[in-house]
Structures are given as C-alpha cells and as structure tokens.
C-alpha cells in the first residue's frame, strides 16, 4: 500500500489498521451473559481509576463504527474477545455463553463484510473474576487448562473467518502493573511498594504470572497447530511491548543498564518463545525467584509463534543503580534490573512529552527496536500492533477545537518514516496498527486522556473524526 501524499514513505507493510480492547469498547458488562472480570472489580474500587471511570458503558461499540475504519482506508481491524463473555465463570464447567458467541459472530461477520481482516486477541488483561477468586488467576498453573479451553472454543467458533490470532496482549504490562506496582488489575503488590494493594509480593508474583502466561501461550499455540491451523489456514502469535532505552552516559554501567532494561521487558517473553528459556541475565540476577521450565516446557515454548506483535510508544535514558541498601526494597521487579529511567538529560527532554507523562516522542526508537528484534530473534514476522500518542480530555474545549490534533499526525508520520527505513533494511514488518481507533477507557487513567483517531463525546457517545483520522485516510489511500 503506497501513498502519493507522502512520497518519502515508500516501503509500507501490507496490513494497516487501528486497535481496541474489549474492556475499552464493549460496555454492556452485565448484559448478554458476560461474567465479571478482574478489571470490573478493580475499576469499581474507590481510588483505583484516576477519574473514577470504569468500563461499564465504555464506548457501547456499534457495528456502524466499522465504517469509520473503512473511511480511513484501513484494511484490518484489531479487537479482543472477552474471555468471560464466552465462558462467564472462566471455565468450561460453567458453560459456554451462546449470547457471547453470537455477539462476536456478528462483529466478525460485519468486519469481513466491510472488507476488513479481523485480527483477534484472546487475552487483553481481562481475566475472569471467577478464576481469580477460585485459584488466584495467573498466579496458579491451573489457569493454563482453562485458558486453552477458552481458546479452543474461540478457534472452533470463529477460526473459519479469523486468520490472525494473538494469544496475549502486552503480558509485561499485565504482570508488572498488576503484580509489581498494583496500579492495574488485579492490583497486587508488596506493602513496601504501595499500602493500597492489600496483598501481593512484588519480588515473586510478576515472575510467577509471566511463567504461567508463557505456559498458557505455548499450550494454546500447540492446540491451534494440531487441531485447527491446517484446516483454517490461520496464524497465531503473541503481542509484546517494549520501550527503547539509551544509556544516560557513555559509561559501561549505563550501557549495560540500557541492554538489561530491554532484556527484562522484551527478552523476558521473547527469549523463551524463540529460544526456549529466559535471558541469562535474568537468571543470573534473579536466581531462584525466576521460575524454571522443564525440558518439555522449553521444547513447547521454542518456536511457538507464527508472528510477533510488537508495541512501541516511547524511549528513555537508562541509568545504572546499585542494589538498594535496604533488603526489603530489593524485593521488587522495578528494583531487580538495577537501573532507573528518565526522559531528561542535562535539563533537556529526549523528545516532546505527551499528555501522559510516561510518553516521550522519540521516533528513532521504533527503528532501533525493530533492528534489535531482527538481530536477536532471527528476523521473525512482526506486526506493530500498537503505536500512538494521547492528549488530555479537556471538557471545556469546543469539539471543533478538540478535533485538531497535529501532534498525533506528526507522531504517526515520523514513526512510519522510521518503520519505512527498517523495512528497507530487511526487517520483516508485516503491518502497522495505530493506538487507538477511538477515544476510550484508558485503564488506570480512566477517561482523562485520549489516544483515539476518532473523538468520542463522553456525554452523548457521539463519534467525530479527528484531523488525524482524515490524514490517515489520505495517507493510506490506494
């Protein structure tokens, strides 16, 4: 797909679209037989969401919204399936919800009818509350069977039309935000990290959760390959996220810290899936706190992908730090990689800062990340499944002004330029998905920031295309 409007970008990937998660767009949390999730409970706990929002109504996604995707000349649509809308208790023993099956059949059929390819995620952080209450969710290896049962239902019901499956979206975020810092559901962490968590172990639980996610991923990929792939002709992978890291100084310690940051964020997941085990650096630094795979599990993990999704938003400087003097404070994921990060050096920001404080605009980072994945992992097929920038939700701003988002246009264009360069350097990039399609419930931030190409009036839920959506439509015009 080429653009006559921006001739510098001339080696584009084949799939273009935008993305959303079911927690953010579906609403109707108590309708259609859907069971509760960890995010339902978390969002209704006072003080957990910045603006007190929740996903009960979210966007009340309409099939008519897909026309907005088509209007942007996109050729795919990425969304997630709510586990608890298919299996309300999380387990097959609790029954399959036929209303949920019908809901996604309608959505998938409409996506295809609009000329779009469905890219479907099976887990976007919304673990069924029934499994969390029953055995601790992903803290227990028991969840592997329940997750495989859920994915089996999805492959069987939807796989004749869905050809691109993602097992998990950003498991790093789920493991660290949910179990190291407690700022995302299910909100667990050690007391010395935050008094608001109530329970948790930031030194061990993130690693246990990731271990079980990886086992579940390998098991469902094996299921798909054995039972469905030949007949359905689809592909299955996992979507990971990684920031890029630059050394704060030219010291060996800071260079090692930058490398270690990537290994603790991307390698934690990608090394086992490509090579069969965790990075050696993690094993040497964490010791017994990092779970071990059996030889059989290593074999199942190794090569358990047809593609990788790789999300990128920002870059930081990494600064090496010694281990905390207090032994208690050493017990957390955030302290384990022995480094701090910052977006500033000598009083200057690495790049323009978005409304969300974590996001510094640094387009070269996506290029470096893609080259890194090519070098370390043998140039696997990669889809950029998320890439985007936000602005604040200023309710006093007239809508006509809120639709003006030049920073978003610049963000996507500059990142596409660097992806273009990576493709010319033979990085195997298959597609690009912006984050996000429409302004929506942004997890712990609620509705106070807007990442969408489409503006949503929170009072009426009416949709308005932003200038960035019109730019994207021109950019992708065939």
Protein backbone atom coordinates (compact mmCIF):
# COMPACT_ATOMS: atom_id res chain seq x y z
CA UNK A 1 0.00 0.00 0.00
CA UNK A 2 1.63 3.24 -1.12
CA UNK A 3 0.77 6.87 -0.58
CA UNK A 4 1.07 9.56 -3.20
CA UNK A 5 0.65 12.17 -0.46
CA UNK A 6 3.82 11.26 1.45
CA UNK A 7 6.35 10.03 -1.10
CA UNK A 8 9.13 9.54 1.46
CA UNK A 9 7.27 6.55 2.92
CA UNK A 10 7.54 4.09 0.06
CA UNK A 11 8.03 0.63 1.57
CA UNK A 12 4.93 0.20 3.66
CA UNK A 13 3.78 -3.04 5.32
CA UNK A 14 0.71 -4.84 3.99
CA UNK A 15 -1.73 -4.53 6.91
CA UNK A 16 -2.88 -1.17 8.26
CA UNK A 17 -5.46 -0.54 10.92
CA UNK A 18 -6.23 0.57 14.45
CA UNK A 19 -6.84 -1.38 17.63
CA UNK A 20 -9.01 -1.61 20.74
CA UNK A 21 -9.53 -3.97 23.68
CA UNK A 22 -12.92 -5.35 24.69
CA UNK A 23 -12.70 -3.72 28.15
CA UNK A 24 -12.35 -0.37 26.42
CA UNK A 25 -15.01 -0.55 23.74
CA UNK A 26 -17.71 -3.11 24.52
CA UNK A 27 -19.53 -1.76 27.55
CA UNK A 28 -22.60 -3.89 28.39
CA UNK A 29 -20.61 -5.58 31.16
CA UNK A 30 -23.72 -7.00 32.82
CA UNK A 31 -25.57 -7.86 29.62
CA UNK A 32 -25.53 -10.78 27.22
CA UNK A 33 -24.45 -13.33 29.82
CA UNK A 34 -20.98 -11.85 30.34
CA UNK A 35 -19.28 -12.74 33.60
CA UNK A 36 -17.26 -10.29 35.73
CA UNK A 37 -13.54 -9.72 35.23
CA UNK A 38 -10.66 -8.54 37.40
CA UNK A 39 -10.97 -5.15 35.72
CA UNK A 40 -14.64 -4.83 36.67
CA UNK A 41 -13.72 -5.30 40.32
CA UNK A 42 -10.63 -3.09 40.13
CA UNK A 43 -12.37 -0.20 38.35
CA UNK A 44 -15.18 -0.17 40.92
CA UNK A 45 -12.72 0.03 43.82
CA UNK A 46 -12.55 3.68 45.01
CA UNK A 47 -9.25 5.37 44.23
CA UNK A 48 -8.03 2.89 41.64
CA UNK A 49 -9.02 4.82 38.49
CA UNK A 50 -7.75 8.39 38.13
CA UNK A 51 -11.09 9.97 37.24
CA UNK A 52 -13.32 7.38 38.88
CA UNK A 53 -14.34 5.97 35.48
CA UNK A 54 -14.99 2.36 34.55
CA UNK A 55 -15.75 0.21 31.53
CA UNK A 56 -19.43 -0.40 32.29
CA UNK A 57 -20.53 1.72 29.34
CA UNK A 58 -17.15 2.31 27.64
CA UNK A 59 -17.99 3.12 24.01
CA UNK A 60 -21.02 0.87 23.56
CA UNK A 61 -19.38 -0.19 20.30
CA UNK A 62 -21.67 -0.22 17.31
CA UNK A 63 -21.14 -2.17 14.12
CA UNK A 64 -21.63 1.15 12.33
CA UNK A 65 -18.32 2.25 13.84
CA UNK A 66 -16.54 -0.03 11.40
CA UNK A 67 -17.44 2.38 8.62
CA UNK A 68 -15.10 4.86 10.30
CA UNK A 69 -12.30 2.30 9.91
CA UNK A 70 -13.14 1.88 6.24
CA UNK A 71 -13.26 5.66 5.77
CA UNK A 72 -9.61 5.77 6.88
CA UNK A 73 -8.74 3.31 4.08
CA UNK A 74 -7.60 0.72 6.60
CA UNK A 75 -7.76 -2.94 5.62
CA UNK A 76 -7.95 -4.65 9.02
CA UNK A 77 -9.50 -4.26 12.46
CA UNK A 78 -7.87 -5.46 15.67
CA UNK A 79 -10.01 -6.24 18.71
CA UNK A 80 -10.06 -8.61 21.66
CA UNK A 81 -12.57 -11.21 22.78
CA UNK A 82 -13.74 -11.06 26.39
CA UNK A 83 -12.99 -14.44 27.96
CA UNK A 84 -15.88 -14.01 30.40
CA UNK A 85 -18.32 -13.21 27.59
CA UNK A 86 -17.59 -16.68 26.16
CA UNK A 87 -17.08 -18.57 29.44
CA UNK A 88 -18.77 -16.45 32.16
CA UNK A 89 -17.02 -18.25 35.04
CA UNK A 90 -13.79 -18.64 33.07
CA UNK A 91 -14.12 -22.43 32.91
CA UNK A 92 -15.91 -24.81 30.57
CA UNK A 93 -17.62 -26.31 33.62
CA UNK A 94 -19.54 -23.04 33.99
CA UNK A 95 -20.95 -23.36 30.50
CA UNK A 96 -20.47 -21.65 27.14
CA UNK A 97 -22.42 -18.42 26.72
CA UNK A 98 -24.26 -18.67 23.40
CA UNK A 99 -25.12 -14.96 23.51
CA UNK A 100 -21.42 -14.19 23.64
CA UNK A 101 -20.73 -16.46 20.68
CA UNK A 102 -23.48 -14.72 18.73
CA UNK A 103 -22.12 -11.27 19.71
CA UNK A 104 -18.67 -11.98 18.27
CA UNK A 105 -20.06 -13.79 15.24
CA UNK A 106 -21.97 -10.64 14.36
CA UNK A 107 -18.90 -8.47 14.90
CA UNK A 108 -16.58 -10.72 12.88
CA UNK A 109 -19.08 -11.04 10.06
CA UNK A 110 -19.52 -7.28 9.93
CA UNK A 111 -15.75 -6.71 9.95
CA UNK A 112 -15.42 -9.02 6.95
CA UNK A 113 -18.48 -7.54 5.22
CA UNK A 114 -16.76 -4.15 5.39
CA UNK A 115 -13.76 -5.60 3.55
CA UNK A 116 -11.60 -5.72 6.69
CA UNK A 117 -9.49 -8.57 8.07
CA UNK A 118 -10.15 -9.40 11.75
CA UNK A 119 -7.05 -9.55 13.98
CA UNK A 120 -8.23 -11.08 17.24
CA UNK A 121 -6.61 -11.03 20.69
CA UNK A 122 -7.64 -13.71 23.19
CA UNK A 123 -6.43 -12.03 26.39
CA UNK A 124 -6.11 -8.28 26.86
CA UNK A 125 -5.74 -8.23 30.68
CA UNK A 126 -9.41 -9.09 31.42
CA UNK A 127 -9.01 -12.34 33.35
CA UNK A 128 -12.39 -13.72 34.51
CA UNK A 129 -13.02 -12.83 38.14
CA UNK A 130 -14.29 -16.36 38.72
CA UNK A 131 -10.79 -17.76 38.13
CA UNK A 132 -9.15 -15.03 40.19
CA UNK A 133 -11.41 -15.91 43.12
CA UNK A 134 -11.14 -19.66 42.56
CA UNK A 135 -7.36 -20.14 42.48
CA UNK A 136 -5.66 -16.75 42.07
CA UNK A 137 -5.87 -16.43 38.30
CA UNK A 138 -2.47 -16.40 36.64
CA UNK A 139 -0.74 -17.00 39.95
CA UNK A 140 -1.77 -20.63 39.51
CA UNK A 141 -0.71 -23.02 36.77
CA UNK A 142 -4.30 -24.28 36.84
CA UNK A 143 -5.20 -21.38 34.59
CA UNK A 144 -3.35 -22.96 31.67
CA UNK A 145 -6.09 -25.54 31.11
CA UNK A 146 -8.90 -23.01 31.47
CA UNK A 147 -7.20 -20.64 29.04
CA UNK A 148 -6.67 -23.41 26.50
CA UNK A 149 -10.33 -24.44 26.84
CA UNK A 150 -11.37 -20.83 26.19
CA UNK A 151 -9.10 -20.52 23.15
CA UNK A 152 -10.37 -23.87 21.86
CA UNK A 153 -13.94 -22.53 21.87
CA UNK A 154 -12.80 -19.40 20.01
CA UNK A 155 -10.80 -21.29 17.38
CA UNK A 156 -13.72 -23.65 16.83
CA UNK A 157 -16.42 -20.97 16.65
CA UNK A 158 -14.57 -18.18 14.82
CA UNK A 159 -11.49 -19.69 13.18
CA UNK A 160 -13.20 -20.28 9.84
CA UNK A 161 -13.12 -16.48 9.41
CA UNK A 162 -10.41 -15.26 11.80
CA UNK A 163 -6.96 -15.90 10.33
CA UNK A 164 -4.81 -13.81 12.69
CA UNK A 165 -4.83 -14.78 16.38
CA UNK A 166 -2.91 -13.16 19.24
CA UNK A 167 -2.74 -15.21 22.44
CA UNK A 168 -1.89 -12.36 24.84
CA UNK A 169 -1.53 -8.61 24.53
CA UNK A 170 1.32 -6.99 26.45
CA UNK A 171 1.77 -9.62 29.16
CA UNK A 172 4.60 -7.46 30.53
CA UNK A 173 2.06 -4.78 31.41
CA UNK A 174 -0.29 -7.30 32.99
CA UNK A 175 2.49 -8.88 35.08
CA UNK A 176 4.24 -5.73 36.24
CA UNK A 177 1.40 -3.23 36.59
CA UNK A 178 -0.91 -5.86 38.04
CA UNK A 179 1.52 -7.66 40.37
CA UNK A 180 4.64 -5.48 40.89
CA UNK A 181 3.19 -1.97 41.31
CA UNK A 182 -0.51 -2.79 41.67
CA UNK A 183 -1.70 0.12 39.53
CA UNK A 184 -3.62 -2.19 37.17
CA UNK A 185 -5.96 -5.08 37.89
CA UNK A 186 -5.83 -7.22 39.91
CA UNK A 187 -3.92 -4.61 41.93
CA UNK A 188 -1.42 -6.74 43.84
CA UNK A 189 1.96 -5.66 45.21
CA UNK A 190 4.13 -5.77 48.32
CA UNK A 191 3.23 -3.42 51.20
CA UNK A 192 6.52 -1.54 50.82
CA UNK A 193 5.60 -0.74 47.20
CA UNK A 194 2.11 0.56 47.99
CA UNK A 195 -0.15 0.39 51.02
CA UNK A 196 -3.19 0.42 48.73
CA UNK A 197 -2.56 -3.03 47.26
CA UNK A 198 -3.70 -5.01 50.28
CA UNK A 199 -1.89 -8.19 49.24
CA UNK A 200 0.89 -9.32 46.95
CA UNK A 201 4.61 -9.99 46.57
CA UNK A 202 6.34 -7.69 44.10
CA UNK A 203 9.51 -9.77 44.25
CA UNK A 204 7.95 -13.04 43.12
CA UNK A 205 4.43 -12.71 41.75
CA UNK A 206 5.31 -10.89 38.49
CA UNK A 207 7.64 -13.76 37.59
CA UNK A 208 5.12 -16.45 38.53
CA UNK A 209 2.38 -14.76 36.50
CA UNK A 210 4.63 -14.38 33.46
CA UNK A 211 5.70 -18.01 33.75
CA UNK A 212 2.09 -19.20 33.67
CA UNK A 213 1.23 -16.84 30.81
CA UNK A 214 4.08 -18.32 28.78
CA UNK A 215 2.93 -21.86 29.54
CA UNK A 216 -0.62 -20.94 28.52
CA UNK A 217 0.67 -19.32 25.33
CA UNK A 218 2.69 -22.39 24.35
CA UNK A 219 -0.22 -24.72 25.11
CA UNK A 220 -2.75 -22.82 23.02
CA UNK A 221 -0.33 -22.43 20.09
CA UNK A 222 0.19 -26.18 20.22
CA UNK A 223 -3.58 -26.72 20.25
CA UNK A 224 -4.08 -24.43 17.25
CA UNK A 225 -1.33 -26.07 15.25
CA UNK A 226 -2.50 -29.61 16.00
CA UNK A 227 -6.25 -29.12 15.65
CA UNK A 228 -7.02 -26.08 13.53
CA UNK A 229 -4.20 -24.49 11.57
CA UNK A 230 -4.10 -26.83 8.59
CA UNK A 231 -7.85 -26.69 8.02
CA UNK A 232 -8.34 -23.00 8.82
CA UNK A 233 -5.16 -21.60 7.31
CA UNK A 234 -4.54 -19.01 10.01
CA UNK A 235 -1.58 -17.80 12.05
CA UNK A 236 -1.06 -17.37 15.78
CA UNK A 237 1.37 -15.23 17.74
CA UNK A 238 1.74 -13.03 20.80
CA UNK A 239 1.87 -9.24 21.16
CA UNK A 240 4.64 -7.83 23.34
CA UNK A 241 5.57 -4.28 24.28
CA UNK A 242 8.96 -2.69 24.71
CA UNK A 243 10.30 0.79 25.17
CA UNK A 244 13.68 1.55 23.69
CA UNK A 245 16.47 2.53 26.07
CA UNK A 246 19.51 4.72 25.55
CA UNK A 247 22.43 4.86 28.01
CA UNK A 248 22.33 8.06 30.06
CA UNK A 249 26.11 8.36 29.76
CA UNK A 250 28.78 6.56 27.76
CA UNK A 251 29.77 4.55 30.81
CA UNK A 252 29.82 0.77 30.57
CA UNK A 253 27.43 0.62 33.53
CA UNK A 254 24.79 2.74 31.77
CA UNK A 255 25.22 0.85 28.50
CA UNK A 256 24.69 -2.40 30.38
CA UNK A 257 21.67 -0.89 32.13
CA UNK A 258 20.06 0.01 28.80
CA UNK A 259 20.66 -3.50 27.49
CA UNK A 260 19.33 -5.03 30.70
CA UNK A 261 16.16 -2.93 30.53
CA UNK A 262 15.31 -4.38 27.12
CA UNK A 263 16.06 -7.91 28.30
CA UNK A 264 13.83 -7.50 31.38
CA UNK A 265 11.00 -6.09 29.26
CA UNK A 266 11.15 -7.85 25.89
CA UNK A 267 13.57 -10.73 26.42
CA UNK A 268 11.60 -11.91 29.46
CA UNK A 269 8.94 -13.09 26.99
CA UNK A 270 10.56 -13.26 23.57
CA UNK A 271 13.62 -15.29 24.62
CA UNK A 272 11.54 -18.24 25.90
CA UNK A 273 9.25 -18.18 22.85
CA UNK A 274 12.13 -18.08 20.35
CA UNK A 275 14.97 -19.77 22.24
CA UNK A 276 13.17 -21.81 24.91
CA UNK A 277 14.33 -20.09 28.11
CA UNK A 278 14.64 -16.78 29.93
CA UNK A 279 17.59 -14.45 29.21
CA UNK A 280 20.76 -15.49 31.01
CA UNK A 281 20.97 -12.02 32.56
CA UNK A 282 17.62 -12.51 34.30
CA UNK A 283 18.62 -15.93 35.59
CA UNK A 284 21.90 -14.64 37.00
CA UNK A 285 20.34 -11.58 38.64
CA UNK A 286 17.17 -13.20 40.00
CA UNK A 287 18.29 -16.69 40.93
CA UNK A 288 15.58 -18.87 42.44
CA UNK A 289 12.95 -16.12 42.20
CA UNK A 290 12.77 -16.74 38.45
CA UNK A 291 10.80 -19.97 37.84
CA UNK A 292 12.36 -22.71 35.73
CA UNK A 293 10.96 -24.53 32.71
CA UNK A 294 11.12 -28.29 32.40
CA UNK A 295 12.77 -29.70 29.26
CA UNK A 296 9.30 -30.50 27.91
CA UNK A 297 8.10 -26.94 28.55
CA UNK A 298 11.19 -25.48 26.88
CA UNK A 299 10.52 -27.59 23.79
CA UNK A 300 6.88 -26.47 23.72
CA UNK A 301 7.84 -22.81 24.02
CA UNK A 302 10.65 -22.82 21.49
CA UNK A 303 9.23 -21.66 18.16
CA UNK A 304 5.67 -21.20 19.48
CA UNK A 305 4.85 -18.32 17.15
CA UNK A 306 3.98 -17.59 13.55
CA UNK A 307 4.48 -13.87 14.16
CA UNK A 308 5.11 -11.36 16.92
CA UNK A 309 3.14 -8.25 17.66
CA UNK A 310 5.49 -5.57 18.95
CA UNK A 311 4.07 -2.42 20.54
CA UNK A 312 6.16 0.72 20.82
CA UNK A 313 5.36 4.10 22.34
CA UNK A 314 8.46 5.74 23.79
CA UNK A 315 12.16 5.74 24.66
CA UNK A 316 14.04 6.50 27.90
CA UNK A 317 17.56 7.02 29.16
CA UNK A 318 18.74 4.20 31.44
CA UNK A 319 20.90 4.94 34.47
CA UNK A 320 22.68 2.14 36.32
CA UNK A 321 22.00 1.98 40.06
CA UNK A 322 23.32 -0.22 42.85
CA UNK A 323 21.04 -2.62 44.65
CA UNK A 324 19.01 -0.86 47.37
CA UNK A 325 20.76 -0.96 50.74
CA UNK A 326 17.50 -1.99 52.40
CA UNK A 327 16.99 -5.71 51.72
CA UNK A 328 13.21 -5.23 51.78
CA UNK A 329 13.34 -2.68 48.96
CA UNK A 330 15.39 -5.07 46.84
CA UNK A 331 12.33 -7.28 46.63
CA UNK A 332 10.52 -5.91 43.60
CA UNK A 333 10.58 -6.19 39.82
CA UNK A 334 11.33 -2.47 39.49
CA UNK A 335 14.49 -2.83 41.59
CA UNK A 336 15.62 -6.10 40.01
CA UNK A 337 17.11 -4.62 36.85
CA UNK A 338 19.29 -2.24 38.90
CA UNK A 339 18.56 0.87 36.89
CA UNK A 340 16.44 3.99 36.80
CA UNK A 341 14.97 5.64 33.73
CA UNK A 342 14.33 9.24 32.76
CA UNK A 343 13.23 11.18 29.72
CA UNK A 344 15.54 14.08 30.55
CA UNK A 345 19.28 14.66 30.33
CA UNK A 346 21.04 17.89 31.23
CA UNK A 347 17.67 19.55 31.63
CA UNK A 348 16.51 18.66 28.12
CA UNK A 349 13.75 16.21 27.25
CA UNK A 350 14.60 13.31 24.99
CA UNK A 351 11.62 14.37 22.87
CA UNK A 352 8.28 16.18 23.17
CA UNK A 353 6.27 14.92 26.13
CA UNK A 354 2.70 13.77 25.57
CA UNK A 355 -0.16 14.39 27.99
CA UNK A 356 0.64 11.06 29.62
CA UNK A 357 3.88 11.67 31.47
CA UNK A 358 5.43 8.33 30.55
CA UNK A 359 5.41 9.08 26.81
CA UNK A 360 8.31 10.97 25.25
CA UNK A 361 8.06 11.21 21.48
CA UNK A 362 11.19 9.59 20.03
CA UNK A 363 10.51 8.02 16.60
CA UNK A 364 14.07 6.63 16.11
CA UNK A 365 13.31 4.26 18.99
CA UNK A 366 10.90 2.18 16.91
CA UNK A 367 13.61 1.72 14.28
CA UNK A 368 16.16 0.60 16.86
CA UNK A 369 13.66 -1.78 18.45
CA UNK A 370 12.86 -3.41 15.11
CA UNK A 371 16.55 -3.85 14.29
CA UNK A 372 17.12 -5.35 17.74
CA UNK A 373 14.34 -7.90 17.20
CA UNK A 374 15.81 -8.79 13.82
CA UNK A 375 19.31 -9.35 15.24
CA UNK A 376 18.44 -11.20 18.43
CA UNK A 377 15.50 -13.27 17.24
CA UNK A 378 16.26 -14.17 13.65
CA UNK A 379 14.05 -11.59 11.92
CA UNK A 380 10.62 -13.05 12.74
CA UNK A 381 7.47 -11.66 11.11
CA UNK A 382 6.45 -8.59 13.14
CA UNK A 383 3.29 -6.52 13.28
CA UNK A 384 3.44 -3.18 15.09
CA UNK A 385 0.18 -3.78 16.94
CA UNK A 386 0.14 -0.51 18.92
CA UNK A 387 1.72 2.89 18.36
CA UNK A 388 0.17 6.17 19.37
CA UNK A 389 0.06 9.35 21.43
CA UNK A 390 -2.55 10.99 23.64
CA UNK A 391 -3.87 14.41 24.54
CA UNK A 392 -5.73 15.41 27.67
CA UNK A 393 -9.51 15.24 27.92
CA UNK A 394 -10.29 18.96 28.13
CA UNK A 395 -14.07 19.09 28.60
CA UNK A 396 -14.10 22.88 28.26
CA UNK A 397 -12.65 22.75 24.76
CA UNK A 398 -15.18 23.08 21.92
CA UNK A 399 -15.38 19.87 19.92
CA UNK A 400 -14.25 21.61 16.73
CA UNK A 401 -11.02 22.52 18.54
CA UNK A 402 -10.64 19.09 20.13
CA UNK A 403 -10.59 17.54 16.66
CA UNK A 404 -7.37 19.37 15.83
CA UNK A 405 -4.53 17.01 16.72
CA UNK A 406 -1.37 17.91 14.75
CA UNK A 407 0.84 16.20 17.35
CA UNK A 408 -0.82 12.86 16.57
CA UNK A 409 -0.39 13.32 12.82
CA UNK A 410 3.28 14.14 13.34
CA UNK A 411 3.72 11.18 15.71
CA UNK A 412 2.36 8.61 13.27
CA UNK A 413 4.10 10.09 10.25
CA UNK A 414 7.52 10.20 11.92
CA UNK A 415 7.18 6.66 13.26
CA UNK A 416 6.12 5.40 9.85
CA UNK A 417 9.20 7.04 8.35
CA UNK A 418 11.43 5.04 10.67
CA UNK A 419 9.46 1.85 10.04
CA UNK A 420 9.94 2.54 6.35
CA UNK A 421 13.69 2.66 6.96
CA UNK A 422 13.57 -0.61 8.90
CA UNK A 423 11.69 -2.34 6.08
CA UNK A 424 14.34 -1.16 3.62
CA UNK A 425 16.89 -2.76 5.96
CA UNK A 426 15.04 -6.07 5.52
CA UNK A 427 13.22 -6.12 8.86
CA UNK A 428 10.23 -8.43 8.36
CA UNK A 429 7.45 -5.95 9.24
CA UNK A 430 4.00 -7.14 8.17
CA UNK A 431 1.64 -4.47 9.45
CA UNK A 432 1.02 -1.30 11.47
CA UNK A 433 -1.87 -0.68 13.87
CA UNK A 434 -2.37 2.70 15.49
CA UNK A 435 -3.43 3.04 19.13
CA UNK A 436 -6.21 3.65 19.28
CA UNK A 437 -9.21 3.65 16.96
CA UNK A 438 -11.44 5.79 19.20
CA UNK A 439 -11.00 7.64 22.48
CA UNK A 440 -11.82 5.09 25.15
CA UNK A 441 -11.37 3.88 28.72
CA UNK A 442 -7.60 4.08 29.20
CA UNK A 443 -7.23 1.64 32.07
CA UNK A 444 -5.89 3.32 35.23
CA UNK A 445 -6.26 6.77 33.68
CA UNK A 446 -9.96 6.25 33.02
CA UNK A 447 -11.19 8.81 30.51
CA UNK A 448 -8.81 11.65 31.34
CA UNK A 449 -6.66 11.12 28.24
CA UNK A 450 -7.49 10.50 24.59
CA UNK A 451 -5.44 8.27 22.28
CA UNK A 452 -8.04 7.91 19.52
CA UNK A 453 -8.13 8.86 15.88
CA UNK A 454 -11.86 9.32 16.47
CA UNK A 455 -13.13 11.74 19.13
CA UNK A 456 -15.91 10.42 21.40
CA UNK A 457 -18.17 12.85 23.25
CA UNK A 458 -18.39 11.29 26.71
CA UNK A 459 -21.83 12.79 27.32
CA UNK A 460 -23.53 11.52 24.17
CA UNK A 461 -21.01 8.91 22.92
CA UNK A 462 -21.26 10.56 19.50
CA UNK A 463 -18.22 10.00 17.28
CA UNK A 464 -16.31 12.74 15.45
CA UNK A 465 -13.33 12.07 13.14
CA UNK A 466 -10.23 13.98 14.27
CA UNK A 467 -7.93 15.61 11.77
CA UNK A 468 -5.53 12.70 12.28
CA UNK A 469 -8.14 10.23 11.03
CA UNK A 470 -8.58 12.27 7.86
CA UNK A 471 -4.81 12.45 7.44
CA UNK A 472 -4.59 8.69 7.90
CA UNK A 473 -7.26 8.20 5.26
CA UNK A 474 -5.31 10.29 2.76
CA UNK A 475 -2.06 8.58 3.70
CA UNK A 476 -3.50 5.10 3.13
CA UNK A 477 -5.48 5.92 0.02
CA UNK A 478 -4.77 3.28 -2.58
